[in-house]
Amino acid sequence: MSSGLDVRQLYKGRIEAATEIWSKIMRNEVSTRNQLEELVYIVYKQKGIELQGLE
């Protein structure tokens, strides 16, 4: 059986990416859907997260 720590490790990169992206949205650094899509692509790529369905 998997422990809570294992699940956190599994999703750590995605949570960090979401936090970074949301931070930029809240600082009004993203104003269009196209900018958001580009930002998600860049951040996921930097963190080595699979871009399933985004490419």
C-alpha atoms as a PDB file:
ATOM      1  CA  MET A   1       0.000   0.000   0.000  1.00  0.00           C
ATOM      2  CA  SER A   2       1.248   3.492  -0.855  1.00  0.00           C
ATOM      3  CA  SER A   3       1.863   6.025   1.887  1.00  0.00           C
ATOM      4  CA  GLY A   4       0.848   9.704   1.741  1.00  0.00           C
ATOM      5  CA  LEU A   5       4.495  10.672   1.307  1.00  0.00           C
ATOM      6  CA  ASP A   6       4.774   8.605  -1.867  1.00  0.00           C
ATOM      7  CA  VAL A   7       1.746  10.334  -3.358  1.00  0.00           C
ATOM      8  CA  ARG A   8       3.172  13.755  -2.489  1.00  0.00           C
ATOM      9  CA  GLN A   9       6.452  12.873  -4.170  1.00  0.00           C
ATOM     10  CA  LEU A  10       4.565  11.665  -7.226  1.00  0.00           C
ATOM     11  CA  TYR A  11       2.750  14.971  -7.632  1.00  0.00           C
ATOM     12  CA  LYS A  12       5.404  17.323  -6.222  1.00  0.00           C
ATOM     13  CA  GLY A  13       6.508  18.642  -9.626  1.00  0.00           C
ATOM     14  CA  ARG A  14       2.950  19.240 -10.776  1.00  0.00           C
ATOM     15  CA  ILE A  15       2.061  21.047  -7.544  1.00  0.00           C
ATOM     16  CA  GLU A  16       5.166  23.233  -7.829  1.00  0.00           C
ATOM     17  CA  ALA A  17       4.316  23.985 -11.465  1.00  0.00           C
ATOM     18  CA  ALA A  18       0.721  24.868 -10.611  1.00  0.00           C
ATOM     19  CA  THR A  19       1.894  27.146  -7.795  1.00  0.00           C
ATOM     20  CA  GLU A  20       4.362  28.924 -10.074  1.00  0.00           C
ATOM     21  CA  ILE A  21       1.775  29.351 -12.827  1.00  0.00           C
ATOM     22  CA  TRP A  22      -0.923  30.568 -10.429  1.00  0.00           C
ATOM     23  CA  SER A  23       1.537  33.058  -8.930  1.00  0.00           C
ATOM     24  CA  LYS A  24       2.183  34.566 -12.358  1.00  0.00           C
ATOM     25  CA  ILE A  25      -1.549  34.761 -13.044  1.00  0.00           C
ATOM     26  CA  MET A  26      -2.139  36.570  -9.742  1.00  0.00           C
ATOM     27  CA  ARG A  27       0.644  39.074 -10.548  1.00  0.00           C
ATOM     28  CA  ASN A  28      -1.080  39.776 -13.895  1.00  0.00           C
ATOM     29  CA  GLU A  29       1.889  38.418 -15.849  1.00  0.00           C
ATOM     30  CA  VAL A  30      -0.551  36.347 -17.919  1.00  0.00           C
ATOM     31  CA  SER A  31      -3.436  38.059 -19.654  1.00  0.00           C
ATOM     32  CA  THR A  32      -4.458  35.785 -22.506  1.00  0.00           C
ATOM     33  CA  ARG A  33      -5.207  32.132 -22.978  1.00  0.00           C
ATOM     34  CA  ASN A  34      -2.321  31.844 -25.446  1.00  0.00           C
ATOM     35  CA  GLN A  35       0.105  33.261 -22.869  1.00  0.00           C
ATOM     36  CA  LEU A  36      -1.209  30.784 -20.303  1.00  0.00           C
ATOM     37  CA  GLU A  37      -0.801  27.843 -22.673  1.00  0.00           C
ATOM     38  CA  GLU A  38       2.767  28.919 -23.451  1.00  0.00           C
ATOM     39  CA  LEU A  39       3.563  29.369 -19.756  1.00  0.00           C
ATOM     40  CA  VAL A  40       2.188  25.915 -18.867  1.00  0.00           C
ATOM     41  CA  TYR A  41       4.255  24.376 -21.658  1.00  0.00           C
ATOM     42  CA  ILE A  42       7.443  26.153 -20.527  1.00  0.00           C
ATOM     43  CA  VAL A  43       7.038  25.425 -16.808  1.00  0.00           C
ATOM     44  CA  TYR A  44       6.142  21.757 -17.378  1.00  0.00           C
ATOM     45  CA  LYS A  45       9.124  21.370 -19.723  1.00  0.00           C
ATOM     46  CA  GLN A  46      11.485  22.970 -17.161  1.00  0.00           C
ATOM     47  CA  LYS A  47      10.269  20.638 -14.419  1.00  0.00           C
ATOM     48  CA  GLY A  48      10.411  17.553 -16.636  1.00  0.00           C
ATOM     49  CA  ILE A  49       6.683  16.928 -16.382  1.00  0.00           C
ATOM     50  CA  GLU A  50       5.030  14.911 -19.111  1.00  0.00           C
ATOM     51  CA  LEU A  51       2.999  17.164 -21.415  1.00  0.00           C
ATOM     52  CA  GLN A  52       0.330  14.593 -22.197  1.00  0.00           C
ATOM     53  CA  GLY A  53      -2.385  16.225 -24.289  1.00  0.00           C
ATOM     54  CA  LEU A  54      -0.607  19.587 -24.380  1.00  0.00           C
ATOM     55  CA  GLU A  55       1.565  19.038 -27.433  1.00  0.00           C
END
